[in-house]
């Protein structure tokens, strides 16, 4: 059964993943990436434009479908060997979160809407995914089960 996920990553890292057709999570660890299955959909939420020192963005920046079976490890640099998953990124546009806060069921307290995103990579409902994908003007025919 298909699942839906949010991965919290700065926009510069999302764009690098879009260009390479992959995602990473948890600063390159594979722990939570193992939960993703082929056919699952992943939405990227970017709190900032760049990791650490970026400008506040608070926007959904990309989405895609997991197309591989297992995480795999790469050598990004001599001392950094992150784990990745391959994705088929779908055509979309960025969507700010603020207009969606009251519509997303995983946000239980609108005053503390950012709290769920502290988890980094987490599962959401199909309903929430469709809401976000709709805001990103994706072709929802891609998401039929």
Foldseek 3Di string as FASTA:
>chain_A
DAFEKEAEDAQVQVVVCQVVQKDFWPQQDCVCVAVHAFFYKYWYFHQFNHPPPGDGDQKTAWMWTFHDGGWDWDDPDPPDIGIITGTDTFDFHIAHCVVCQVPAPVQPDSVPRCVVCVVRMDTGDPSNVVVRRVRRVTDCVSPDD
